[in-house]
Protein backbone atom coordinates (compact mmCIF):
# COMPACT_ATOMS: atom_id res chain seq x y z
CA MET A 1 -26.75 12.73 -2.57
CA GLN A 2 -25.99 14.68 0.61
CA LEU A 3 -22.57 15.97 1.62
CA GLN A 4 -21.40 16.41 5.20
CA HIS A 5 -19.44 19.47 6.29
CA ASN A 6 -16.34 19.87 8.49
CA VAL A 7 -15.91 16.12 9.09
CA ASP A 8 -13.16 14.71 11.33
CA LEU A 9 -10.71 12.59 9.30
CA THR A 10 -8.65 11.41 12.28
CA PRO A 11 -10.31 7.95 12.46
CA LEU A 12 -10.06 7.60 8.67
CA ASN A 13 -6.25 7.71 8.44
CA THR A 14 -4.20 4.97 10.07
CA PHE A 15 -1.40 7.30 11.20
CA GLY A 16 -4.01 9.16 13.26
CA LEU A 17 -3.09 12.71 12.26
CA ASN A 18 -5.70 15.29 13.20
CA ALA A 19 -7.44 16.74 10.16
CA ARG A 20 -10.91 17.72 9.00
CA ALA A 21 -12.55 17.72 5.58
CA ARG A 22 -14.45 20.74 4.30
CA TYR A 23 -16.90 18.40 2.52
CA PHE A 24 -17.28 14.65 2.93
CA THR A 25 -19.35 11.72 1.69
CA ALA A 26 -19.14 7.95 2.04
CA LEU A 27 -19.85 6.38 -1.37
CA GLU A 28 -21.41 2.93 -1.05
CA ASN A 29 -22.56 2.59 -4.68
CA ALA A 30 -20.17 3.33 -7.55
CA ALA A 31 -23.15 3.88 -9.85
CA LEU A 32 -23.70 7.20 -8.06
CA LEU A 33 -20.41 8.62 -9.30
CA PRO A 34 -21.97 10.62 -12.18
CA GLU A 35 -24.41 12.17 -9.71
CA LEU A 36 -21.58 12.98 -7.30
CA CYS A 37 -19.53 14.63 -10.03
CA ALA A 38 -22.47 16.88 -10.91
CA LEU A 39 -22.60 18.45 -7.44
CA PRO A 40 -21.44 22.09 -7.22
CA GLU A 41 -19.01 21.15 -4.42
CA PHE A 42 -17.24 18.62 -6.67
CA ASP A 43 -13.92 19.86 -8.07
CA ARG A 44 -11.94 17.26 -9.99
CA SER A 45 -8.67 19.07 -9.31
CA SER A 46 -9.03 18.89 -5.53
CA VAL A 47 -11.30 15.95 -4.67
CA LEU A 48 -9.68 13.25 -2.51
CA TRP A 49 -10.72 9.63 -3.06
CA LEU A 50 -10.07 7.94 0.28
CA GLY A 51 -9.91 4.19 0.87
CA GLY A 52 -8.60 2.73 4.11
CA GLY A 53 -6.45 5.78 4.84
CA SER A 54 -3.38 3.57 5.24
CA ASN A 55 -1.25 5.39 2.68
CA VAL A 56 -2.00 9.06 3.39
CA LEU A 57 -0.58 11.70 5.71
CA PHE A 58 -2.75 14.75 6.33
CA MET A 59 -0.43 17.71 6.72
CA GLN A 60 -3.38 20.03 7.41
CA ASP A 61 -7.17 20.16 7.16
CA TYR A 62 -8.37 19.06 3.72
CA PRO A 63 -9.76 22.13 1.93
CA GLY A 64 -11.99 20.30 -0.53
CA LEU A 65 -14.23 17.26 -0.90
CA VAL A 66 -13.20 13.87 0.54
CA VAL A 67 -14.98 10.83 -0.90
CA HIS A 68 -14.64 7.68 1.23
CA MET A 69 -15.03 4.68 -1.09
CA CYS A 70 -17.20 2.16 0.79
CA ASN A 71 -18.63 0.04 -2.05
CA SER A 72 -18.45 -3.66 -1.23
CA GLY A 73 -18.99 -7.03 -2.87
CA VAL A 74 -17.00 -10.02 -4.15
CA ARG A 75 -18.05 -12.34 -7.00
CA GLU A 76 -16.65 -14.92 -9.39
CA ILE A 77 -16.99 -13.81 -13.01
CA GLY A 78 -15.34 -16.66 -14.91
CA ARG A 79 -12.79 -19.48 -15.15
CA SER A 80 -10.23 -20.60 -17.74
CA ASP A 81 -7.05 -22.70 -17.83
CA GLY A 82 -6.84 -23.18 -14.07
CA LEU A 83 -7.50 -19.51 -13.32
CA VAL A 84 -10.54 -18.15 -11.50
CA TYR A 85 -11.48 -14.52 -12.10
CA ILE A 86 -12.72 -12.79 -8.96
CA GLU A 87 -14.10 -9.25 -9.03
CA ALA A 88 -13.91 -7.27 -5.78
CA GLN A 89 -15.38 -3.82 -5.23
CA ALA A 90 -12.97 -1.03 -4.33
CA GLY A 91 -14.25 -0.55 -0.78
CA GLU A 92 -13.54 -4.13 0.32
CA ILE A 93 -10.96 -4.37 3.13
CA TRP A 94 -7.86 -5.91 1.56
CA HIS A 95 -6.96 -8.50 4.21
CA ASP A 96 -10.58 -9.62 4.58
CA PHE A 97 -10.69 -10.12 0.82
CA VAL A 98 -7.46 -12.15 0.86
CA LEU A 99 -8.91 -14.45 3.54
CA GLN A 100 -12.13 -14.81 1.55
CA THR A 101 -10.22 -15.98 -1.55
CA LEU A 102 -8.37 -18.55 0.59
CA GLU A 103 -11.68 -19.84 1.91
CA MET A 104 -12.79 -20.21 -1.72
CA GLY A 105 -9.82 -22.56 -2.28
CA LEU A 106 -7.92 -20.06 -4.42
CA SER A 107 -4.32 -18.90 -4.24
CA GLY A 108 -2.22 -15.99 -5.44
CA LEU A 109 -2.83 -13.42 -2.73
CA GLU A 110 -1.51 -15.32 0.30
CA ASN A 111 1.87 -13.52 0.33
CA LEU A 112 0.01 -10.20 0.47
CA SER A 113 -1.85 -11.03 3.68
CA LEU A 114 -2.34 -8.43 6.41
CA ILE A 115 -1.46 -5.44 4.22
CA PRO A 116 -3.64 -2.56 5.42
CA GLY A 117 -6.00 -0.69 3.12
CA THR A 118 -8.69 -1.51 0.59
CA VAL A 119 -8.93 -3.43 -2.67
CA GLY A 120 -9.28 -0.18 -4.61
CA ALA A 121 -5.98 1.14 -3.29
CA SER A 122 -4.01 -2.01 -4.13
CA PRO A 123 -3.40 -1.26 -7.85
CA VAL A 124 -2.51 2.39 -7.24
CA GLN A 125 0.57 1.56 -5.19
CA ASN A 126 1.05 -1.88 -6.79
CA ILE A 127 1.30 -3.26 -3.27
CA GLY A 128 3.83 -6.01 -2.71
CA ALA A 129 5.34 -8.23 -0.04
CA TYR A 130 7.40 -11.42 0.29
CA GLY A 131 8.30 -11.74 -3.38
CA VAL A 132 4.84 -10.97 -4.80
CA GLU A 133 3.34 -7.79 -6.26
CA VAL A 134 -0.37 -7.35 -6.82
CA LYS A 135 0.26 -6.72 -10.53
CA ASP A 136 1.12 -10.42 -10.77
CA VAL A 137 -2.53 -11.36 -10.15
CA ILE A 138 -4.54 -8.40 -11.44
CA ARG A 139 -6.45 -9.08 -14.63
CA SER A 140 -8.16 -5.69 -14.98
CA VAL A 141 -9.24 -2.58 -13.10
CA ARG A 142 -12.67 -0.99 -13.50
CA CYS A 143 -12.65 2.80 -13.24
CA PHE A 144 -14.82 5.84 -13.66
CA ASP A 145 -13.12 8.16 -16.13
CA LEU A 146 -13.59 11.72 -14.92
CA GLU A 147 -12.62 13.08 -18.36
CA THR A 148 -15.32 11.25 -20.29
CA GLY A 149 -17.84 10.63 -17.51
CA LYS A 150 -17.93 6.93 -18.43
CA PHE A 151 -16.92 3.66 -16.78
CA VAL A 152 -13.91 1.95 -18.39
CA GLU A 153 -12.00 -1.31 -17.92
CA LEU A 154 -8.18 -1.14 -17.99
CA ASP A 155 -6.36 -4.42 -18.53
CA ASN A 156 -3.11 -5.27 -16.75
CA ALA A 157 -0.88 -3.77 -19.45
CA GLN A 158 -2.87 -0.55 -19.58
CA CYS A 159 -2.31 -0.09 -15.84
CA ARG A 160 1.44 0.33 -16.51
CA PHE A 161 2.53 -1.31 -13.32
CA ALA A 162 6.06 -0.88 -11.98
CA TYR A 163 7.66 -1.10 -8.53
CA ARG A 164 5.17 0.75 -6.27
CA GLU A 165 3.91 2.53 -9.37
CA SER A 166 0.99 2.48 -11.79
CA ILE A 167 -0.85 4.69 -14.24
CA PHE A 168 -3.04 5.73 -11.29
CA LYS A 169 -0.06 7.47 -9.66
CA GLN A 170 1.23 8.94 -12.90
CA GLU A 171 -0.65 10.20 -15.96
CA GLY A 172 -3.95 8.73 -14.75
CA LYS A 173 -3.81 10.49 -11.38
CA GLY A 174 -6.86 12.68 -11.00
CA ARG A 175 -8.56 11.05 -13.98
CA TYR A 176 -9.45 7.48 -13.00
CA VAL A 177 -11.53 6.56 -9.95
CA ILE A 178 -11.05 2.85 -9.21
CA THR A 179 -14.39 1.19 -8.51
CA ALA A 180 -13.51 -2.54 -8.73
CA VAL A 181 -10.59 -4.87 -9.44
CA THR A 182 -10.64 -8.28 -11.13
CA PHE A 183 -8.02 -10.80 -10.02
CA ALA A 184 -6.80 -13.93 -11.82
CA LEU A 185 -6.32 -16.47 -9.02
CA ARG A 186 -5.18 -20.08 -9.24
CA GLU A 187 -7.10 -23.23 -8.43
CA ASN A 188 -3.82 -25.15 -7.99
CA PHE A 189 -1.49 -23.78 -5.34
CA GLU A 190 2.11 -22.94 -6.32
CA PRO A 191 3.95 -21.67 -3.22
CA ASN A 192 6.31 -18.71 -3.40
CA ILE A 193 8.30 -18.91 -0.17
CA ARG A 194 11.78 -17.83 -1.24
CA TYR A 195 11.57 -14.38 0.32
CA GLY A 196 12.49 -13.50 3.91
CA ASP A 197 11.77 -15.89 6.75
CA LEU A 198 8.79 -17.64 5.18
CA ALA A 199 10.47 -21.00 4.53
CA ALA A 200 11.78 -21.30 8.10
CA ILE A 201 8.44 -20.49 9.70
CA LEU A 202 6.57 -22.85 7.37
CA GLU A 203 8.99 -25.67 8.14
CA GLU A 204 8.39 -25.14 11.84
CA ASN A 205 4.61 -24.81 11.54
CA CYS A 206 3.89 -27.54 9.00
CA GLY A 207 6.17 -30.28 10.28
CA GLY A 208 6.94 -31.72 6.84
CA ARG A 209 3.33 -31.97 5.61
CA GLU A 210 2.29 -30.41 2.31
CA ILE A 211 2.11 -26.60 2.52
CA THR A 212 -1.18 -24.86 1.69
CA ALA A 213 -1.92 -21.28 0.66
CA LYS A 214 -3.48 -20.74 4.09
CA ASP A 215 -0.23 -21.88 5.70
CA VAL A 216 1.68 -19.25 3.74
CA SER A 217 -0.86 -16.59 4.70
CA ASP A 218 -0.56 -17.56 8.36
CA ALA A 219 3.24 -17.39 8.17
CA VAL A 220 3.14 -13.96 6.54
CA CYS A 221 0.80 -12.76 9.29
CA ILE A 222 3.16 -14.08 11.98
CA ILE A 223 6.10 -12.21 10.46
CA ARG A 224 4.18 -8.98 9.88
CA ARG A 225 2.71 -8.95 13.39
CA SER A 226 6.16 -9.54 14.90
CA LYS A 227 7.62 -6.56 13.05
CA LEU A 228 4.79 -4.17 12.24
CA PRO A 229 2.60 -2.45 14.82
CA ASP A 230 -1.18 -2.69 14.61
CA PRO A 231 -2.44 0.73 13.39
CA LYS A 232 -5.35 0.41 15.83
CA GLU A 233 -2.84 0.38 18.70
CA LEU A 234 -0.01 2.53 17.33
CA GLY A 235 -0.67 4.85 14.39
CA ASN A 236 1.36 4.11 11.26
CA VAL A 237 1.12 3.70 7.49
CA GLY A 238 3.07 0.45 7.26
CA SER A 239 6.32 0.70 5.29
CA PHE A 240 7.09 4.41 5.24
CA PHE A 241 9.86 4.33 2.63
CA LYS A 242 10.20 2.57 -0.70
CA ASN A 243 13.05 0.11 -1.07
CA PRO A 244 15.52 2.14 -3.18
CA VAL A 245 16.66 0.84 -6.56
CA VAL A 246 20.24 1.78 -7.45
CA PRO A 247 22.64 1.13 -10.36
CA ALA A 248 24.53 -2.16 -10.16
CA GLN A 249 27.86 -0.32 -9.90
CA GLN A 250 26.71 1.57 -6.81
CA ALA A 251 25.33 -1.62 -5.23
CA THR A 252 28.61 -3.44 -5.84
CA ALA A 253 30.59 -0.65 -4.21
CA LEU A 254 28.30 -0.64 -1.17
CA LYS A 255 28.44 -4.44 -0.93
CA LYS A 256 32.24 -4.29 -0.70
CA GLN A 257 31.92 -1.94 2.24
CA TYR A 258 28.90 -3.65 3.86
CA SER A 259 29.11 -7.37 3.06
CA ASP A 260 25.88 -8.23 4.91
CA MET A 261 23.80 -5.63 3.06
CA PRO A 262 20.68 -7.20 1.48
CA ALA A 263 20.64 -6.66 -2.28
CA TYR A 264 18.17 -7.94 -4.87
CA PRO A 265 19.20 -7.81 -8.57
CA GLN A 266 16.43 -6.62 -10.88
CA GLU A 267 15.64 -7.71 -14.44
CA ASN A 268 16.85 -4.38 -15.89
CA GLY A 269 20.28 -4.74 -14.29
CA SER A 270 19.66 -2.41 -11.36
CA VAL A 271 19.67 -3.57 -7.73
CA LYS A 272 17.00 -3.12 -5.07
CA LEU A 273 18.21 -2.39 -1.54
CA ALA A 274 16.35 -2.84 1.73
CA ALA A 275 15.35 0.58 3.09
CA GLY A 276 14.75 -0.84 6.56
CA TRP A 277 18.30 -2.24 6.71
CA LEU A 278 19.81 1.08 5.61
CA ILE A 279 17.85 2.97 8.28
CA ASP A 280 18.75 0.39 10.91
CA GLN A 281 22.47 0.80 10.14
CA CYS A 282 22.07 4.49 10.97
CA ARG A 283 20.98 3.39 14.47
CA LEU A 284 17.64 5.15 14.18
CA LYS A 285 15.30 2.60 15.77
CA GLY A 286 13.35 4.41 18.48
CA TYR A 287 14.52 7.86 17.33
CA GLU A 288 11.83 10.47 18.10
CA VAL A 289 10.83 13.88 16.85
CA GLY A 290 7.99 15.23 18.96
CA GLY A 291 5.26 12.60 18.99
CA ALA A 292 6.59 10.73 15.92
CA ALA A 293 9.19 7.97 16.10
CA VAL A 294 11.02 5.30 14.14
CA HIS A 295 9.52 2.01 15.29
CA ASP A 296 11.81 0.23 17.73
CA LYS A 297 11.29 -3.18 16.07
CA GLN A 298 11.16 -2.25 12.37
CA ALA A 299 13.14 0.74 11.15
CA LEU A 300 11.11 0.93 7.94
CA VAL A 301 8.05 2.03 9.93
CA LEU A 302 7.41 5.47 11.41
CA VAL A 303 4.81 5.58 14.17
CA ASN A 304 2.55 8.04 15.96
CA ARG A 305 3.86 7.44 19.46
CA ASN A 306 2.29 10.41 21.25
CA GLN A 307 -0.22 12.55 19.34
CA ALA A 308 2.26 13.41 16.62
CA SER A 309 1.68 16.53 14.57
CA ALA A 310 2.17 16.75 10.82
CA ALA A 311 5.29 18.82 11.48
CA ASP A 312 6.69 16.02 13.67
CA VAL A 313 6.23 13.45 10.91
CA ARG A 314 7.73 15.69 8.27
CA ALA A 315 10.78 16.51 10.40
CA LEU A 316 11.35 12.86 11.31
CA ALA A 317 11.06 11.66 7.71
CA GLU A 318 13.48 14.33 6.52
CA TYR A 319 15.97 13.40 9.25
CA VAL A 320 15.85 9.70 8.33
CA CYS A 321 16.36 10.50 4.64
CA ASN A 322 19.27 12.79 5.39
CA GLN A 323 20.99 10.22 7.61
CA VAL A 324 20.73 7.46 4.99
CA GLU A 325 21.91 9.81 2.24
CA GLU A 326 24.90 10.88 4.30
CA LYS A 327 25.96 7.33 5.25
CA PHE A 328 25.23 5.41 2.04
CA GLY A 329 24.72 7.98 -0.71
CA VAL A 330 21.26 6.48 -1.30
CA ALA A 331 18.13 8.62 -1.58
CA LEU A 332 15.00 7.30 0.12
CA GLN A 333 11.49 8.11 -1.07
CA PRO A 334 8.42 7.99 1.20
CA GLU A 335 5.62 5.64 0.15
CA PRO A 336 2.57 7.48 1.59
CA ASN A 337 0.89 10.43 -0.08
CA TRP A 338 1.31 13.77 1.68
CA LEU A 339 -1.95 15.71 1.59
CA PRO A 340 -2.74 18.28 0.39
CA ASP A 341 -0.51 17.34 -2.54
CA VAL A 342 2.65 19.32 -1.81
CA HIS A 343 6.35 18.53 -2.11
CA VAL A 344 7.55 17.52 1.34
CA ILE A 345 10.78 15.57 0.86
């Protein structure tokens, strides 16, 4: 296995921040992981496992090894009780994989269409959209355990999924390298169209005929494209902030003051608020710091408008958080990972 030196990471992160990696390799075969880990340049404490680069912000050049996971392949591994188990390698592009499952006549991922990134990144963040989280359809995650040097299979419960959280972001961070994910998808379609504008768009597009999973996927794509910029045209990492979860008492008090505030009660009694709405109420759409800006159509998205520097992004994110905290008393948390791993906000 050969490593490259001083490699440009700009095209490998969707925000388009300029950064270089001291060492770099593109891993197309997960079976080579033991060999990779034996290299003298490999340092478990500093290695960066990079997927689609849609959830990272490079604050400076990366001082260690960057491993770009490029392994690909999708296969059916079993069926039972109306479920079809599909294994996808970590390097598969997420949206391409979603479309492939729809072509196979399967459903479960349609609400997660057009989310940037790779299959391997999806469990880490427990990606979600339009009333669905990926944890709802993950059966297991195959990983390489850097502590034992062996491949392991973690079932859904062992992944400890929560809102935008998993074991891979917590105690398993730096230990497990995700190499493949197995999904439990349905043969019979059960639409979930209660969230956002899905029902209205589907009614317009389908004209009363029976809705299919592909119809839902198409509707999700229409909504996302109308609100979210294409990273190939305008650098971004999708939703920049997590939707904050607050105590019910705080949500009730805010609702009295802002009657049109979106609020989503959670099973544990807390309430999830819409970060984009909170930012929008602060009149921050289009607000710029250097080359970084709040997107003028979707306040939840920060964009690289004009060769933004890492300092621009940091200053803009801090300003947005401060404005929301001052107006609503709600603390926002960024979704992307700031690299190297330092406390930014």
